[in-house]
C-alpha atoms as a PDB file:
ATOM      1  CA  MET A   1      71.761 119.222 138.524  1.00  0.00           C
ATOM      2  CA  CYS A   2      72.462 117.310 141.561  1.00  0.00           C
ATOM      3  CA  ASP A   3      74.443 118.372 144.294  1.00  0.00           C
ATOM      4  CA  VAL A   4      76.194 116.099 146.538  1.00  0.00           C
ATOM      5  CA  PRO A   5      76.908 117.060 150.095  1.00  0.00           C
ATOM      6  CA  ALA A   6      80.801 117.600 150.790  1.00  0.00           C
ATOM      7  CA  GLU A   7      80.721 114.968 153.788  1.00  0.00           C
ATOM      8  CA  THR A   8      79.646 112.192 151.443  1.00  0.00           C
ATOM      9  CA  ALA A   9      82.641 112.733 149.104  1.00  0.00           C
ATOM     10  CA  PRO A  10      85.503 110.541 149.768  1.00  0.00           C
ATOM     11  CA  ALA A  11      88.377 112.396 151.715  1.00  0.00           C
ATOM     12  CA  SER A  12      91.112 110.797 149.543  1.00  0.00           C
ATOM     13  CA  PRO A  13      91.233 109.196 146.024  1.00  0.00           C
ATOM     14  CA  LEU A  14      90.285 105.501 146.049  1.00  0.00           C
ATOM     15  CA  PRO A  15      92.943 103.260 146.401  1.00  0.00           C
ATOM     16  CA  ARG A  16      93.825 101.341 143.257  1.00  0.00           C
ATOM     17  CA  SER A  17      95.711  98.133 143.360  1.00  0.00           C
ATOM     18  CA  ARG A  18      96.375  95.431 140.735  1.00  0.00           C
ATOM     19  CA  PRO A  19      94.274  92.524 140.905  1.00  0.00           C
ATOM     20  CA  LEU A  20      95.783  89.236 142.597  1.00  0.00           C
ATOM     21  CA  ASN A  21      98.165  91.530 144.278  1.00  0.00           C
ATOM     22  CA  ARG A  22      97.270  89.788 147.716  1.00  0.00           C
ATOM     23  CA  GLU A  23      97.317  86.367 146.311  1.00  0.00           C
ATOM     24  CA  ALA A  24     100.090  84.121 146.808  1.00  0.00           C
ATOM     25  CA  PRO A  25     100.948  80.825 144.985  1.00  0.00           C
ATOM     26  CA  ARG A  26      98.807  78.048 145.806  1.00  0.00           C
ATOM     27  CA  ARG A  27      99.181  74.249 145.815  1.00  0.00           C
ATOM     28  CA  ILE A  28      96.149  71.998 144.980  1.00  0.00           C
ATOM     29  CA  GLY A  29      96.623  68.553 144.378  1.00  0.00           C
ATOM     30  CA  ALA A  30      99.433  68.042 141.795  1.00  0.00           C
ATOM     31  CA  TRP A  31      99.019  71.592 140.427  1.00  0.00           C
ATOM     32  CA  GLN A  32     100.187  75.141 141.440  1.00  0.00           C
ATOM     33  CA  ILE A  33      98.622  78.292 140.448  1.00  0.00           C
ATOM     34  CA  ALA A  34     100.776  81.682 140.970  1.00  0.00           C
ATOM     35  CA  PRO A  35     100.171  85.067 139.894  1.00  0.00           C
ATOM     36  CA  ARG A  36     102.969  86.510 137.805  1.00  0.00           C
ATOM     37  CA  PRO A  37     103.192  90.300 138.800  1.00  0.00           C
ATOM     38  CA  HIS A  38     105.011  92.952 136.832  1.00  0.00           C
ATOM     39  CA  GLN A  39     104.902  90.626 133.559  1.00  0.00           C
ATOM     40  CA  PRO A  40     105.453  93.064 130.686  1.00  0.00           C
ATOM     41  CA  ILE A  41     102.680  92.873 127.896  1.00  0.00           C
ATOM     42  CA  ARG A  42     102.761  94.802 124.693  1.00  0.00           C
ATOM     43  CA  LEU A  43      99.737  94.817 122.494  1.00  0.00           C
ATOM     44  CA  ALA A  44     100.892  94.638 118.681  1.00  0.00           C
ATOM     45  CA  ARG A  45      98.409  95.528 116.060  1.00  0.00           C
ATOM     46  CA  SER A  46      99.507  94.076 112.626  1.00  0.00           C
ATOM     47  CA  ARG A  47      97.783  93.025 109.427  1.00  0.00           C
ATOM     48  CA  ASP A  48     100.429  90.309 109.208  1.00  0.00           C
ATOM     49  CA  PRO A  49     100.682  88.466 112.630  1.00  0.00           C
ATOM     50  CA  LEU A  50     103.227  85.845 111.222  1.00  0.00           C
ATOM     51  CA  ALA A  51     105.625  88.689 110.717  1.00  0.00           C
ATOM     52  CA  ILE A  52     106.085  89.208 114.668  1.00  0.00           C
ATOM     53  CA  PRO A  53     107.994  86.303 115.819  1.00  0.00           C
ATOM     54  CA  GLY A  54     107.067  85.146 119.548  1.00  0.00           C
ATOM     55  CA  ALA A  55     103.888  86.948 119.383  1.00  0.00           C
ATOM     56  CA  LEU A  56     100.878  85.294 121.041  1.00  0.00           C
ATOM     57  CA  TYR A  57      97.442  85.592 118.876  1.00  0.00           C
ATOM     58  CA  ARG A  58      94.700  87.220 120.827  1.00  0.00           C
ATOM     59  CA  ALA A  59      92.156  88.127 118.070  1.00  0.00           C
ATOM     60  CA  PRO A  60      92.560  89.165 114.203  1.00  0.00           C
ATOM     61  CA  GLY A  61      95.285  91.679 113.994  1.00  0.00           C
ATOM     62  CA  GLU A  62      95.884  91.766 117.726  1.00  0.00           C
ATOM     63  CA  LEU A  63      98.923  89.988 119.382  1.00  0.00           C
ATOM     64  CA  LEU A  64     100.243  89.950 122.746  1.00  0.00           C
ATOM     65  CA  LEU A  65     104.166  90.274 123.324  1.00  0.00           C
ATOM     66  CA  LEU A  66     105.755  89.444 126.592  1.00  0.00           C
ATOM     67  CA  THR A  67     109.210  90.933 126.005  1.00  0.00           C
ATOM     68  CA  ASP A  68     110.476  94.300 124.515  1.00  0.00           C
ATOM     69  CA  GLU A  69     112.884  92.461 122.134  1.00  0.00           C
ATOM     70  CA  ALA A  70     110.600  91.537 119.230  1.00  0.00           C
ATOM     71  CA  GLU A  71     111.149  92.994 115.701  1.00  0.00           C
ATOM     72  CA  LEU A  72     108.193  94.679 114.390  1.00  0.00           C
ATOM     73  CA  PRO A  73     107.080  95.237 110.688  1.00  0.00           C
ATOM     74  CA  ALA A  74     107.041  99.065 109.796  1.00  0.00           C
ATOM     75  CA  ALA A  75     103.289  99.133 109.657  1.00  0.00           C
ATOM     76  CA  ALA A  76     102.805  97.644 113.312  1.00  0.00           C
ATOM     77  CA  GLN A  77     101.627  99.637 116.245  1.00  0.00           C
ATOM     78  CA  LEU A  78     102.793  98.638 119.614  1.00  0.00           C
ATOM     79  CA  HIS A  79     101.372  99.670 122.921  1.00  0.00           C
ATOM     80  CA  ASP A  80     102.240  98.850 126.546  1.00  0.00           C
ATOM     81  CA  MET A  81      99.414  97.259 128.166  1.00  0.00           C
ATOM     82  CA  SER A  82     100.830  95.682 131.233  1.00  0.00           C
ATOM     83  CA  ALA A  83      98.523  97.543 133.456  1.00  0.00           C
ATOM     84  CA  ALA A  84      95.501  96.166 131.564  1.00  0.00           C
ATOM     85  CA  PHE A  85      96.350  92.395 131.867  1.00  0.00           C
ATOM     86  CA  CYS A  86      97.284  89.918 134.468  1.00  0.00           C
ATOM     87  CA  CYS A  87      99.055  86.891 134.338  1.00  0.00           C
ATOM     88  CA  ILE A  88      98.568  83.471 135.961  1.00  0.00           C
ATOM     89  CA  ASP A  89     101.225  80.441 135.937  1.00  0.00           C
ATOM     90  CA  VAL A  90      99.435  77.220 136.110  1.00  0.00           C
ATOM     91  CA  THR A  91     102.163  74.145 136.720  1.00  0.00           C
ATOM     92  CA  GLY A  92     101.761  70.468 137.071  1.00  0.00           C
ATOM     93  CA  PRO A  93     100.774  67.542 135.212  1.00  0.00           C
ATOM     94  CA  ASP A  94      98.586  68.248 131.896  1.00  0.00           C
ATOM     95  CA  PRO A  95      97.345  71.486 132.978  1.00  0.00           C
ATOM     96  CA  LEU A  96      95.198  71.679 129.919  1.00  0.00           C
ATOM     97  CA  ALA A  97      93.192  68.594 131.431  1.00  0.00           C
ATOM     98  CA  ALA A  98      93.105  70.137 134.770  1.00  0.00           C
ATOM     99  CA  ILE A  99      91.304  73.246 133.452  1.00  0.00           C
ATOM    100  CA  GLY A 100      88.818  71.201 131.276  1.00  0.00           C
ATOM    101  CA  LEU A 101      90.680  71.434 127.709  1.00  0.00           C
ATOM    102  CA  GLY A 102      92.157  67.897 127.963  1.00  0.00           C
ATOM    103  CA  ASN A 103      91.069  67.394 124.258  1.00  0.00           C
ATOM    104  CA  LEU A 104      93.438  69.808 123.024  1.00  0.00           C
ATOM    105  CA  GLU A 105      96.873  68.907 122.124  1.00  0.00           C
ATOM    106  CA  PRO A 106      99.537  70.198 124.667  1.00  0.00           C
ATOM    107  CA  LEU A 107     101.007  73.571 124.108  1.00  0.00           C
ATOM    108  CA  ALA A 108     104.839  73.530 123.406  1.00  0.00           C
ATOM    109  CA  PRO A 109     106.672  76.454 125.198  1.00  0.00           C
ATOM    110  CA  GLY A 110     105.623  79.752 123.226  1.00  0.00           C
ATOM    111  CA  ASP A 111     102.833  78.206 121.573  1.00  0.00           C
ATOM    112  CA  SER A 112      99.446  79.957 122.350  1.00  0.00           C
ATOM    113  CA  LEU A 113      95.592  80.017 121.800  1.00  0.00           C
ATOM    114  CA  THR A 114      92.746  82.178 123.081  1.00  0.00           C
ATOM    115  CA  THR A 115      89.761  80.699 124.486  1.00  0.00           C
ATOM    116  CA  ARG A 116      87.227  81.239 126.970  1.00  0.00           C
ATOM    117  CA  LEU A 117      87.237  79.990 130.556  1.00  0.00           C
ATOM    118  CA  ALA A 118      84.582  80.733 133.121  1.00  0.00           C
ATOM    119  CA  ASP A 119      83.159  82.828 130.167  1.00  0.00           C
ATOM    120  CA  ILE A 120      86.293  84.941 130.275  1.00  0.00           C
ATOM    121  CA  ARG A 121      88.528  85.574 127.342  1.00  0.00           C
ATOM    122  CA  VAL A 122      91.811  83.936 128.137  1.00  0.00           C
ATOM    123  CA  THR A 123      95.005  83.555 126.229  1.00  0.00           C
ATOM    124  CA  LEU A 124      96.861  80.427 126.988  1.00  0.00           C
ATOM    125  CA  CYS A 125     100.479  80.057 126.307  1.00  0.00           C
ATOM    126  CA  GLY A 126     102.653  77.025 126.812  1.00  0.00           C
ATOM    127  CA  THR A 127     105.562  77.313 129.236  1.00  0.00           C
ATOM    128  CA  GLY A 128     108.343  74.956 130.054  1.00  0.00           C
ATOM    129  CA  ASP A 129     106.462  73.513 133.025  1.00  0.00           C
ATOM    130  CA  GLY A 130     102.980  74.244 132.311  1.00  0.00           C
ATOM    131  CA  LEU A 131     100.827  77.064 131.220  1.00  0.00           C
ATOM    132  CA  LEU A 132     100.474  80.821 131.210  1.00  0.00           C
ATOM    133  CA  LEU A 133      96.919  82.240 131.372  1.00  0.00           C
ATOM    134  CA  ILE A 134      96.552  85.840 130.405  1.00  0.00           C
ATOM    135  CA  THR A 135      93.384  87.835 131.048  1.00  0.00           C
ATOM    136  CA  GLU A 136      92.266  91.344 131.186  1.00  0.00           C
ATOM    137  CA  ASN A 137      92.479  93.001 134.870  1.00  0.00           C
ATOM    138  CA  HIS A 138      88.713  93.304 135.358  1.00  0.00           C
ATOM    139  CA  SER A 139      88.409  89.232 134.992  1.00  0.00           C
ATOM    140  CA  ALA A 140      91.539  88.438 136.817  1.00  0.00           C
ATOM    141  CA  ASP A 141      90.029  87.727 140.425  1.00  0.00           C
ATOM    142  CA  TRP A 142      87.009  85.702 138.759  1.00  0.00           C
ATOM    143  CA  LEU A 143      89.358  83.508 136.698  1.00  0.00           C
ATOM    144  CA  TRP A 144      91.740  82.995 140.050  1.00  0.00           C
ATOM    145  CA  ASN A 145      88.596  81.927 141.969  1.00  0.00           C
ATOM    146  CA  TRP A 146      87.422  79.706 139.021  1.00  0.00           C
ATOM    147  CA  LEU A 147      90.870  78.042 138.865  1.00  0.00           C
ATOM    148  CA  LEU A 148      90.877  77.301 142.721  1.00  0.00           C
ATOM    149  CA  ALA A 149      87.522  75.647 142.409  1.00  0.00           C
ATOM    150  CA  ARG A 150      88.560  73.848 139.003  1.00  0.00           C
ATOM    151  CA  LEU A 151      91.911  72.556 140.448  1.00  0.00           C
ATOM    152  CA  GLN A 152      90.050  71.204 143.557  1.00  0.00           C
ATOM    153  CA  VAL A 153      87.611  69.106 141.579  1.00  0.00           C
ATOM    154  CA  ALA A 154      90.548  67.877 139.342  1.00  0.00           C
ATOM    155  CA  ALA A 155      92.416  66.900 142.237  1.00  0.00           C
ATOM    156  CA  ILE A 156      89.587  64.623 143.659  1.00  0.00           C
END
């Protein structure tokens, strides 16, 4: 057993903050990125993903809901995962091309896909004026910095 001297132990618990809490919206060229704090996210598990209207496909049997108002089938399980995910809005002309996915058809509002950006699993959702990127908290800062660099390249 290893004893740790009392003077090396932290005096108070380590502070915990949400990723991107200190980030403000940024305009880069024709695009803007902005964290979307306090976005409610529910994780639904269902064997029939088409039975949940408005759900964003993340993986087989794994769906994300951005609202509390969805009607769920009786067999579906729902978990509040708002504290585990971060959301980033990307607005501007052709945001898919700006992040390197220009070969895809534009996403209509509410349409989604899950892919990898900067080697991070990201769910993309079409919005009225761009995209909503949803990723797990542990990857949010990395994705934010990658977006800053990627949009600077796209702006040239």
